[in-house]
Protein backbone atom coordinates (compact mmCIF):
# COMPACT_ATOMS: atom_id res chain seq x y z
CA MET A 1 76.24 95.25 133.08
CA GLU A 2 79.35 92.82 133.66
CA VAL A 3 82.32 93.23 131.53
CA ARG A 4 83.21 90.21 128.93
CA VAL A 5 86.72 88.90 129.00
CA GLN A 6 88.49 88.16 126.13
CA ILE A 7 91.83 86.79 125.49
CA PHE A 8 93.87 87.70 122.68
CA VAL A 9 96.75 85.37 122.05
CA GLY A 10 99.84 85.87 119.68
CA LEU A 11 101.85 83.05 118.79
CA GLY A 12 105.56 83.33 118.15
CA ASN A 13 108.92 82.28 119.80
CA PRO A 14 110.26 84.91 122.63
CA GLY A 15 113.38 86.18 122.45
CA GLY A 16 115.21 89.07 120.61
CA LYS A 17 116.51 86.27 117.95
CA TYR A 18 113.19 85.63 116.81
CA ALA A 19 111.63 88.93 117.02
CA ARG A 20 111.25 89.52 112.93
CA ASN A 21 110.91 86.11 111.86
CA ARG A 22 107.66 84.97 109.85
CA HIS A 23 106.56 82.82 112.74
CA ASN A 24 106.48 85.74 114.91
CA ILE A 25 103.77 87.93 113.24
CA GLY A 26 101.37 87.08 115.74
CA PHE A 27 103.37 88.72 118.36
CA MET A 28 103.80 91.60 116.11
CA ALA A 29 99.94 91.97 115.55
CA LEU A 30 99.71 91.87 119.60
CA ASP A 31 102.33 94.76 119.93
CA ARG A 32 100.77 96.96 117.53
CA ILE A 33 97.10 96.55 118.88
CA ALA A 34 98.71 97.32 122.25
CA GLU A 35 100.49 100.57 121.45
CA ASP A 36 97.51 101.86 119.20
CA HIS A 37 94.58 101.27 121.59
CA GLY A 38 96.60 102.41 124.73
CA PHE A 39 96.81 99.09 126.38
CA GLY A 40 98.88 98.81 129.71
CA PRO A 41 102.68 97.81 130.13
CA TRP A 42 103.50 94.19 129.19
CA ARG A 43 104.39 92.06 132.54
CA ALA A 44 105.12 88.45 132.82
CA ARG A 45 102.47 86.09 133.80
CA PHE A 46 100.75 83.07 132.64
CA GLN A 47 104.21 81.92 131.17
CA GLY A 48 104.20 84.80 129.00
CA GLU A 49 103.65 88.59 128.61
CA VAL A 50 100.64 90.16 129.08
CA SER A 51 98.92 93.55 128.37
CA GLU A 52 95.68 94.72 129.68
CA GLY A 53 93.39 97.36 127.76
CA ARG A 54 89.54 97.88 126.13
CA LEU A 55 88.37 97.07 122.69
CA GLY A 56 84.99 97.21 121.47
CA GLY A 57 83.74 97.62 125.55
CA ASP A 58 85.06 94.58 126.30
CA LYS A 59 88.21 93.63 128.80
CA VAL A 60 90.94 92.09 126.72
CA LEU A 61 94.07 90.29 127.79
CA LEU A 62 96.75 90.38 125.20
CA LEU A 63 99.17 86.92 125.59
CA LYS A 64 102.02 86.46 124.18
CA PRO A 65 103.20 82.65 125.62
CA GLY A 66 107.08 83.00 126.72
CA THR A 67 107.17 79.10 125.98
CA PHE A 68 108.36 78.22 122.31
CA MET A 69 105.61 77.89 119.51
CA ASN A 70 105.02 74.17 120.45
CA LEU A 71 104.57 74.53 123.78
CA SER A 72 101.83 77.86 123.68
CA GLY A 73 98.87 76.00 124.87
CA GLN A 74 100.49 75.67 128.38
CA ALA A 75 100.46 79.70 128.88
CA VAL A 76 96.92 79.98 126.93
CA GLY A 77 95.30 76.99 129.17
CA GLU A 78 96.56 78.33 132.39
CA ALA A 79 95.20 82.41 131.36
CA MET A 80 91.60 80.82 130.41
CA ARG A 81 91.26 78.63 133.47
CA PHE A 82 92.41 81.77 135.70
CA PHE A 83 89.35 84.06 134.23
CA LYS A 84 87.23 81.05 133.84
CA LEU A 85 86.77 81.80 130.26
CA GLU A 86 85.58 79.25 127.46
CA PRO A 87 87.53 78.43 124.51
CA ALA A 88 84.92 80.94 122.15
CA ASP A 89 86.63 83.60 124.51
CA VAL A 90 90.29 83.02 123.09
CA THR A 91 91.46 84.23 119.58
CA VAL A 92 94.81 83.52 118.27
CA PHE A 93 96.92 85.24 116.19
CA HIS A 94 99.03 82.96 113.95
CA ASP A 95 101.22 82.95 110.54
CA GLU A 96 99.59 81.15 107.89
CA LEU A 97 101.51 79.16 104.83
CA ASP A 98 98.52 78.68 102.68
CA LEU A 99 97.54 82.35 102.38
CA ALA A 100 99.66 84.65 100.30
CA PRO A 101 101.59 87.53 102.16
CA GLY A 102 99.26 90.21 103.28
CA LYS A 103 96.02 88.04 103.42
CA CYS A 104 93.96 88.14 106.75
CA ARG A 105 91.21 85.16 107.18
CA VAL A 106 89.18 84.78 110.15
CA LYS A 107 88.24 81.34 111.15
CA SER A 108 86.17 79.77 114.02
CA GLY A 109 87.08 75.78 115.35
CA GLY A 110 88.61 73.45 113.10
CA GLY A 111 91.86 71.50 112.69
CA HIS A 112 95.32 72.80 113.32
CA ALA A 113 96.83 72.36 109.89
CA GLY A 114 100.27 71.22 111.50
CA HIS A 115 100.72 74.40 112.73
CA ASN A 116 102.70 73.50 116.21
CA GLY A 117 101.10 76.45 118.10
CA LEU A 118 97.65 75.43 117.04
CA ARG A 119 98.41 71.78 117.88
CA SER A 120 99.56 73.05 121.29
CA ILE A 121 96.79 74.87 122.02
CA HIS A 122 94.08 72.46 120.90
CA ALA A 123 95.85 69.97 123.25
CA HIS A 124 95.00 72.14 125.94
CA ILE A 125 91.95 73.99 125.38
CA GLY A 126 90.27 71.77 122.65
CA GLU A 127 89.63 73.57 118.94
CA ALA A 128 86.73 75.61 119.51
CA TYR A 129 89.04 78.92 119.42
CA ASP A 130 88.73 81.65 116.76
CA ARG A 131 92.12 82.23 114.68
CA VAL A 132 93.36 85.35 112.59
CA ARG A 133 95.19 83.78 109.98
CA LEU A 134 98.13 85.81 108.84
CA GLY A 135 99.14 85.01 105.65
CA ILE A 136 102.83 84.69 104.97
CA GLY A 137 103.14 82.56 102.02
CA HIS A 138 104.72 79.14 101.37
CA PRO A 139 108.34 78.52 100.19
CA GLY A 140 107.00 75.92 97.81
CA ARG A 141 108.45 72.35 99.13
CA LYS A 142 107.83 70.97 102.58
CA ASP A 143 110.71 70.59 103.27
CA LEU A 144 111.82 74.10 103.11
CA VAL A 145 109.21 75.23 105.66
CA ALA A 146 111.05 74.80 108.88
CA ALA A 147 113.62 77.23 107.79
CA TYR A 148 111.33 79.71 105.86
CA VAL A 149 109.06 80.65 109.04
CA LEU A 150 112.25 80.65 111.37
CA HIS A 151 113.62 83.37 108.77
CA ASP A 152 113.25 86.84 109.30
CA PHE A 153 110.84 89.05 106.99
CA HIS A 154 112.70 90.63 103.97
CA LYS A 155 113.45 94.27 103.59
CA ALA A 156 111.02 94.01 100.44
CA ASP A 157 108.01 92.67 102.71
CA GLU A 158 108.12 95.99 105.11
CA ASP A 159 105.27 97.69 103.37
CA TRP A 160 102.60 95.23 103.39
CA LEU A 161 103.52 93.63 106.60
CA ASP A 162 103.34 97.47 108.18
CA ASP A 163 99.88 97.57 106.09
CA LEU A 164 98.68 94.41 107.54
CA LEU A 165 99.28 95.26 111.10
CA ARG A 166 97.89 98.70 110.85
CA GLY A 167 94.59 97.52 109.24
CA ILE A 168 94.45 94.64 112.12
CA SER A 169 95.20 97.44 114.93
CA ASP A 170 92.23 99.38 112.95
CA GLY A 171 89.82 96.62 113.14
CA ALA A 172 90.48 95.24 116.63
CA ASP A 173 87.36 96.77 118.38
CA ALA A 174 85.28 95.37 115.62
CA LEU A 175 87.01 91.78 116.46
CA ALA A 176 86.57 92.20 119.76
CA ARG A 177 82.74 92.71 119.36
CA GLY A 178 82.65 89.67 117.06
CA ASP A 179 82.26 91.50 113.61
CA THR A 180 84.61 89.64 111.42
CA GLY A 181 83.40 91.52 108.32
CA LYS A 182 84.24 94.77 109.48
CA PHE A 183 87.41 93.77 110.80
CA GLN A 184 88.56 92.15 107.50
CA ASN A 185 87.27 95.39 105.86
CA ALA A 186 89.51 97.11 108.06
CA VAL A 187 92.20 95.07 106.71
CA ALA A 188 91.68 95.42 103.24
CA LEU A 189 91.26 99.11 103.56
CA ARG A 190 94.91 99.02 104.50
CA VAL A 191 96.45 96.35 102.47
CA ASN A 192 94.75 97.12 99.23
CA PRO A 193 93.33 100.64 99.45
CA PRO A 194 91.02 101.64 96.73
CA ARG A 195 91.91 103.45 93.77
CA SER A 196 91.06 106.79 92.79
CA SER A 197 88.40 107.19 90.12
CA GLY A 198 90.76 108.07 87.27
CA GLY A 199 92.91 105.16 87.88
CA LYS A 200 96.15 105.18 85.45
CA GLN A 201 96.57 108.76 84.77
CA GLU A 202 95.71 109.39 81.00
CA LYS A 203 97.27 111.52 78.51
CA PRO A 204 95.20 114.88 77.86
CA ALA A 205 93.25 114.48 74.81
CA PRO A 206 93.96 116.93 71.95
CA GLN A 207 92.45 120.28 72.29
CA ALA A 208 90.06 121.47 69.36
CA ALA A 209 90.90 124.49 67.42
CA LYS A 210 89.21 127.53 68.28
CA PRO A 211 87.39 129.38 65.12
CA GLY A 212 90.42 131.43 62.89
CA GLN A 213 93.10 128.75 64.43
CA ALA A 214 94.84 126.01 62.49
CA LYS A 215 94.07 122.66 63.99
CA PRO A 216 96.62 121.66 66.79
CA LYS A 217 99.44 119.59 65.58
CA ALA A 218 99.42 115.64 65.95
CA GLU A 219 102.02 114.82 68.73
CA GLY A 220 105.34 114.16 67.47
CA ALA A 221 104.64 115.80 64.14
CA GLN A 222 107.02 118.10 62.45
CA GLU A 223 106.57 121.51 61.30
CA ARG A 224 107.02 122.17 57.80
CA MET A 225 108.44 125.36 56.66
CA PRO A 226 107.12 126.95 53.32
CA ARG A 227 108.92 126.31 50.26
CA PRO A 228 110.47 129.22 48.25
CA ASP A 229 108.77 130.89 45.33
CA ASP A 230 111.17 130.64 42.58
CA ARG A 231 108.89 131.13 39.78
CA SER A 232 109.85 133.83 36.86
CA PRO A 233 108.18 136.98 37.05
CA LEU A 234 106.39 136.07 33.47
CA GLN A 235 104.83 132.47 35.19
CA LYS A 236 103.57 134.12 38.21
CA LEU A 237 101.56 136.47 36.06
CA ALA A 238 100.47 133.78 34.13
CA ASP A 239 99.39 131.62 36.96
CA LYS A 240 97.22 134.06 37.91
CA PHE A 241 94.78 134.17 34.77
CA ARG A 242 94.52 130.20 35.25
């Protein structure tokens, strides 16, 4: 049986200066997959860095283009031609402004929505490839987008970012098999784990009094002290016969 070859592409900009940028979340996703699934060491090839391994029974080439973002298609096209692959054999991981932080969606084909990395890939291999859209949120104004994507993730983002990357790694086998539903479920289980059946902890209900016991006091009620009996001996005697 012939082994299928796939290319997983992560988009980002090369160099330590950009390593933690929001724009580099595609690189981060591939790094996590390579580490968790025992891929080979990263080495220079196809105008970028590659790491080889297996997912879902297929041979998978992880590719981080070494060109800057707006030239990403050069590396993708070169690798695809070398292995004689079709665009459908390529899956691109990229940052997505139109998704809330931590959200993940898989898409096949379609436009590039102004993303410079996707625009370049479109120009080199067409639009019939798969994308894993990784939500980073939107700064709110179009003129702020460039600075936003080229800024590092904030410290407050670390928890959801780590969950998202772990979920991507958990579902990588399913993604390679084409089971996008199972892949997205794996991500959701990390990002939004199911709550325990108890949910929010409730205050325990007051216990019922056992036979012969006084009823439990309501929460916050103060204990009343017995009043002293200041009646005269004659009054006490008279009260007995009432």
